[in-house]
Amino acid sequence: MDGDYGTGLPEAAGMRAFTAEFVTRLTRRSRLPLDYSVASLRLVDFVVDGLRRDRPERARVAGTLQGLGAYTGEVLVRRAGGIWMDFDAEQRELFRQPVGVRMPDGRVWNPLGKVVNRFEAGAEESVQRLYLTLHGRSRRPAGNDACEAVCR
């Protein structure tokens, strides 16, 4: 991954609004049911696979990948109790992203990077499977919008 993939993304405090804007734009064009459910992460995998089909350079689809990564992170926030966080310099170097999600158990995940990995590597990097194997999910009821999140 190149070091400037995360440019153009807001800080953690702005990720919810960034994601909502992306979802509005994407669903207006494609009518995908992106409803922030865990099941909708399967659609993220599907859309990324569609982007990969013609083997475009990542730079050509970087904005869509960022949006899908932000959406994935927001699902972690809403459904698993995560919180969006700004990465420190060391984490930015490691994850090659400016923001991520901290889970209730303190673990940090990089959903933006996970979507990029899906684009680059294919099916073995499933966004939906990431959620299903996610450690540190809270057991609070789905739909609690008090938090925000990121995945690895």
C-alpha atoms as a PDB file:
ATOM      1  CA  MET A   1       0.000   0.000   0.000  1.00  0.00           C
ATOM      2  CA  ASP A   2       1.257   3.472  -0.678  1.00  0.00           C
ATOM      3  CA  GLY A   3       1.560   5.875   2.226  1.00  0.00           C
ATOM      4  CA  ASP A   4      -0.936   8.460   0.980  1.00  0.00           C
ATOM      5  CA  TYR A   5      -3.983   6.243   0.463  1.00  0.00           C
ATOM      6  CA  GLY A   6      -5.734   7.791   3.451  1.00  0.00           C
ATOM      7  CA  THR A   7      -5.500  11.375   2.248  1.00  0.00           C
ATOM      8  CA  GLY A   8      -8.822  13.110   1.826  1.00  0.00           C
ATOM      9  CA  LEU A   9     -10.415  11.300   4.750  1.00  0.00           C
ATOM     10  CA  PRO A  10     -11.654  13.293   7.726  1.00  0.00           C
ATOM     11  CA  GLU A  11     -10.412  12.802  11.251  1.00  0.00           C
ATOM     12  CA  ALA A  12     -12.235  10.269  13.399  1.00  0.00           C
ATOM     13  CA  ALA A  13     -14.826  12.824  14.530  1.00  0.00           C
ATOM     14  CA  GLY A  14     -15.926  13.306  10.918  1.00  0.00           C
ATOM     15  CA  MET A  15     -16.093   9.673   9.828  1.00  0.00           C
ATOM     16  CA  ARG A  16     -19.813   9.185  10.547  1.00  0.00           C
ATOM     17  CA  ALA A  17     -20.760  12.136   8.335  1.00  0.00           C
ATOM     18  CA  PHE A  18     -18.239  11.104   5.652  1.00  0.00           C
ATOM     19  CA  THR A  19     -19.741   7.609   5.610  1.00  0.00           C
ATOM     20  CA  ALA A  20     -23.333   8.873   5.462  1.00  0.00           C
ATOM     21  CA  GLU A  21     -22.475  11.078   2.478  1.00  0.00           C
ATOM     22  CA  PHE A  22     -20.773   8.162   0.689  1.00  0.00           C
ATOM     23  CA  VAL A  23     -23.735   5.839   1.323  1.00  0.00           C
ATOM     24  CA  THR A  24     -26.167   8.481   0.038  1.00  0.00           C
ATOM     25  CA  ARG A  25     -24.172   8.946  -3.175  1.00  0.00           C
ATOM     26  CA  LEU A  26     -23.640   5.226  -3.770  1.00  0.00           C
ATOM     27  CA  THR A  27     -27.205   4.159  -3.055  1.00  0.00           C
ATOM     28  CA  ARG A  28     -28.618   6.941  -5.217  1.00  0.00           C
ATOM     29  CA  ARG A  29     -26.734   5.501  -8.203  1.00  0.00           C
ATOM     30  CA  SER A  30     -26.914   1.781  -7.498  1.00  0.00           C
ATOM     31  CA  ARG A  31     -29.786   1.287  -5.047  1.00  0.00           C
ATOM     32  CA  LEU A  32     -27.654  -1.072  -2.949  1.00  0.00           C
ATOM     33  CA  PRO A  33     -29.254  -1.804   0.434  1.00  0.00           C
ATOM     34  CA  LEU A  34     -26.445  -0.412   2.589  1.00  0.00           C
ATOM     35  CA  ASP A  35     -28.310  -0.312   5.898  1.00  0.00           C
ATOM     36  CA  TYR A  36     -25.360  -0.636   8.326  1.00  0.00           C
ATOM     37  CA  SER A  37     -26.299  -4.223   9.113  1.00  0.00           C
ATOM     38  CA  VAL A  38     -23.773  -7.004   9.532  1.00  0.00           C
ATOM     39  CA  ALA A  39     -25.379  -8.746   6.539  1.00  0.00           C
ATOM     40  CA  SER A  40     -24.650  -5.688   4.365  1.00  0.00           C
ATOM     41  CA  LEU A  41     -20.917  -6.354   4.707  1.00  0.00           C
ATOM     42  CA  ARG A  42     -21.455  -9.151   2.205  1.00  0.00           C
ATOM     43  CA  LEU A  43     -22.420  -6.415  -0.270  1.00  0.00           C
ATOM     44  CA  VAL A  44     -19.141  -4.626   0.432  1.00  0.00           C
ATOM     45  CA  ASP A  45     -17.264  -7.786  -0.561  1.00  0.00           C
ATOM     46  CA  PHE A  46     -19.459  -8.067  -3.664  1.00  0.00           C
ATOM     47  CA  VAL A  47     -18.891  -4.432  -4.715  1.00  0.00           C
ATOM     48  CA  VAL A  48     -15.125  -4.687  -4.195  1.00  0.00           C
ATOM     49  CA  ASP A  49     -15.063  -7.878  -6.261  1.00  0.00           C
ATOM     50  CA  GLY A  50     -16.899  -5.994  -9.010  1.00  0.00           C
ATOM     51  CA  LEU A  51     -14.307  -3.219  -8.869  1.00  0.00           C
ATOM     52  CA  ARG A  52     -11.531  -5.809  -9.227  1.00  0.00           C
ATOM     53  CA  ARG A  53     -13.061  -7.422 -12.300  1.00  0.00           C
ATOM     54  CA  ASP A  54     -11.412  -5.163 -14.890  1.00  0.00           C
ATOM     55  CA  ARG A  55      -8.164  -4.993 -12.880  1.00  0.00           C
ATOM     56  CA  PRO A  56      -8.038  -1.207 -12.617  1.00  0.00           C
ATOM     57  CA  GLU A  57      -5.185   0.542 -10.866  1.00  0.00           C
ATOM     58  CA  ARG A  58      -6.105   1.109  -7.248  1.00  0.00           C
ATOM     59  CA  ALA A  59      -5.760   4.868  -7.668  1.00  0.00           C
ATOM     60  CA  ARG A  60      -8.682   4.818 -10.118  1.00  0.00           C
ATOM     61  CA  VAL A  61     -11.041   3.343  -7.519  1.00  0.00           C
ATOM     62  CA  ALA A  62      -9.414   4.746  -4.359  1.00  0.00           C
ATOM     63  CA  GLY A  63     -12.355   6.993  -3.466  1.00  0.00           C
ATOM     64  CA  THR A  64     -14.824   4.123  -3.657  1.00  0.00           C
ATOM     65  CA  LEU A  65     -12.505   1.896  -1.613  1.00  0.00           C
ATOM     66  CA  GLN A  66     -12.220   4.636   1.027  1.00  0.00           C
ATOM     67  CA  GLY A  67     -15.987   4.965   1.163  1.00  0.00           C
ATOM     68  CA  LEU A  68     -16.502   1.208   1.451  1.00  0.00           C
ATOM     69  CA  GLY A  69     -13.834   1.051   4.164  1.00  0.00           C
ATOM     70  CA  ALA A  70     -15.531   3.880   6.047  1.00  0.00           C
ATOM     71  CA  TYR A  71     -18.860   2.070   5.706  1.00  0.00           C
ATOM     72  CA  THR A  72     -17.284  -1.128   7.052  1.00  0.00           C
ATOM     73  CA  GLY A  73     -15.890   0.819   9.997  1.00  0.00           C
ATOM     74  CA  GLU A  74     -19.231   2.428  10.703  1.00  0.00           C
ATOM     75  CA  VAL A  75     -20.862  -1.019  10.810  1.00  0.00           C
ATOM     76  CA  LEU A  76     -18.248  -1.970  13.424  1.00  0.00           C
ATOM     77  CA  VAL A  77     -19.103   1.147  15.380  1.00  0.00           C
ATOM     78  CA  ARG A  78     -22.860   0.652  15.251  1.00  0.00           C
ATOM     79  CA  ARG A  79     -23.046  -3.120  15.592  1.00  0.00           C
ATOM     80  CA  ALA A  80     -19.978  -4.111  17.600  1.00  0.00           C
ATOM     81  CA  GLY A  81     -19.514  -1.173  19.962  1.00  0.00           C
ATOM     82  CA  GLY A  82     -16.378   0.287  18.387  1.00  0.00           C
ATOM     83  CA  ILE A  83     -15.275   3.904  18.383  1.00  0.00           C
ATOM     84  CA  TRP A  84     -13.646   5.757  15.486  1.00  0.00           C
ATOM     85  CA  MET A  85     -10.149   6.872  16.449  1.00  0.00           C
ATOM     86  CA  ASP A  86      -7.360   8.858  14.858  1.00  0.00           C
ATOM     87  CA  PHE A  87      -4.258   6.732  14.474  1.00  0.00           C
ATOM     88  CA  ASP A  88      -1.031   8.017  15.972  1.00  0.00           C
ATOM     89  CA  ALA A  89       2.082   8.236  13.766  1.00  0.00           C
ATOM     90  CA  GLU A  90       3.146   4.647  14.483  1.00  0.00           C
ATOM     91  CA  GLN A  91      -0.322   3.274  13.727  1.00  0.00           C
ATOM     92  CA  ARG A  92      -0.546   5.334  10.526  1.00  0.00           C
ATOM     93  CA  GLU A  93       2.731   3.798   9.415  1.00  0.00           C
ATOM     94  CA  LEU A  94       1.576   0.277  10.303  1.00  0.00           C
ATOM     95  CA  PHE A  95      -1.959   0.474   8.887  1.00  0.00           C
ATOM     96  CA  ARG A  96      -1.322   3.009   6.084  1.00  0.00           C
ATOM     97  CA  GLN A  97      -4.562   4.741   7.073  1.00  0.00           C
ATOM     98  CA  PRO A  98      -5.299   7.840   9.176  1.00  0.00           C
ATOM     99  CA  VAL A  99      -8.215   6.416  11.184  1.00  0.00           C
ATOM    100  CA  GLY A 100      -9.385   3.121  12.604  1.00  0.00           C
ATOM    101  CA  VAL A 101     -11.769   1.608  15.114  1.00  0.00           C
ATOM    102  CA  ARG A 102     -11.087   0.774  18.745  1.00  0.00           C
ATOM    103  CA  MET A 103     -13.225  -2.027  20.142  1.00  0.00           C
ATOM    104  CA  PRO A 104     -14.574  -2.167  23.717  1.00  0.00           C
ATOM    105  CA  ASP A 105     -11.727  -4.532  24.680  1.00  0.00           C
ATOM    106  CA  GLY A 106      -9.128  -1.989  23.462  1.00  0.00           C
ATOM    107  CA  ARG A 107      -8.131  -3.771  20.260  1.00  0.00           C
ATOM    108  CA  VAL A 108      -7.692  -1.585  17.201  1.00  0.00           C
ATOM    109  CA  TRP A 109      -8.969  -2.571  13.760  1.00  0.00           C
ATOM    110  CA  ASN A 110      -8.361  -1.131  10.306  1.00  0.00           C
ATOM    111  CA  PRO A 111     -11.511  -1.525   8.164  1.00  0.00           C
ATOM    112  CA  LEU A 112     -10.240   0.881   5.522  1.00  0.00           C
ATOM    113  CA  GLY A 113      -7.190  -1.307   5.021  1.00  0.00           C
ATOM    114  CA  LYS A 114      -9.301  -4.463   5.035  1.00  0.00           C
ATOM    115  CA  VAL A 115     -11.269  -3.200   2.038  1.00  0.00           C
ATOM    116  CA  VAL A 116      -8.018  -2.373   0.223  1.00  0.00           C
ATOM    117  CA  ASN A 117      -6.766  -5.882   1.032  1.00  0.00           C
ATOM    118  CA  ARG A 118      -9.980  -7.346  -0.436  1.00  0.00           C
ATOM    119  CA  PHE A 119      -9.377  -5.315  -3.592  1.00  0.00           C
ATOM    120  CA  GLU A 120      -5.763  -6.418  -3.878  1.00  0.00           C
ATOM    121  CA  ALA A 121      -5.979 -10.051  -2.718  1.00  0.00           C
ATOM    122  CA  GLY A 122      -9.536 -11.135  -3.439  1.00  0.00           C
ATOM    123  CA  ALA A 123     -11.856 -13.499  -1.602  1.00  0.00           C
ATOM    124  CA  GLU A 124      -9.458 -14.563   1.165  1.00  0.00           C
ATOM    125  CA  GLU A 125      -9.791 -11.014   2.559  1.00  0.00           C
ATOM    126  CA  SER A 126     -13.525 -10.987   3.290  1.00  0.00           C
ATOM    127  CA  VAL A 127     -14.937  -7.932   5.047  1.00  0.00           C
ATOM    128  CA  GLN A 128     -17.958  -9.907   6.220  1.00  0.00           C
ATOM    129  CA  ARG A 129     -15.748 -12.665   7.626  1.00  0.00           C
ATOM    130  CA  LEU A 130     -13.723 -10.019   9.458  1.00  0.00           C
ATOM    131  CA  TYR A 131     -16.810  -8.989  11.395  1.00  0.00           C
ATOM    132  CA  LEU A 132     -17.831 -12.564  12.129  1.00  0.00           C
ATOM    133  CA  THR A 133     -14.408 -13.328  13.626  1.00  0.00           C
ATOM    134  CA  LEU A 134     -14.062  -9.956  15.338  1.00  0.00           C
ATOM    135  CA  HIS A 135     -12.756 -10.092  18.864  1.00  0.00           C
ATOM    136  CA  GLY A 136     -13.905  -7.511  21.364  1.00  0.00           C
ATOM    137  CA  ARG A 137     -17.446  -6.970  20.116  1.00  0.00           C
ATOM    138  CA  SER A 138     -19.759  -5.575  22.729  1.00  0.00           C
ATOM    139  CA  ARG A 139     -22.939  -7.417  23.563  1.00  0.00           C
ATOM    140  CA  ARG A 140     -25.121  -4.320  23.573  1.00  0.00           C
ATOM    141  CA  PRO A 141     -28.197  -4.220  21.365  1.00  0.00           C
ATOM    142  CA  ALA A 142     -27.728  -3.503  17.666  1.00  0.00           C
ATOM    143  CA  GLY A 143     -28.603  -0.022  16.558  1.00  0.00           C
ATOM    144  CA  ASN A 144     -26.903   1.853  19.405  1.00  0.00           C
ATOM    145  CA  ASP A 145     -25.410   4.799  17.548  1.00  0.00           C
ATOM    146  CA  ALA A 146     -23.378   6.177  20.463  1.00  0.00           C
ATOM    147  CA  CYS A 147     -20.087   4.759  19.163  1.00  0.00           C
ATOM    148  CA  GLU A 148     -17.974   4.611  16.014  1.00  0.00           C
ATOM    149  CA  ALA A 149     -15.387   1.900  14.799  1.00  0.00           C
ATOM    150  CA  VAL A 150     -12.540   0.528  12.511  1.00  0.00           C
ATOM    151  CA  CYS A 151     -11.361  -2.978  11.470  1.00  0.00           C
ATOM    152  CA  ARG A 152      -8.124  -4.624  10.555  1.00  0.00           C
END
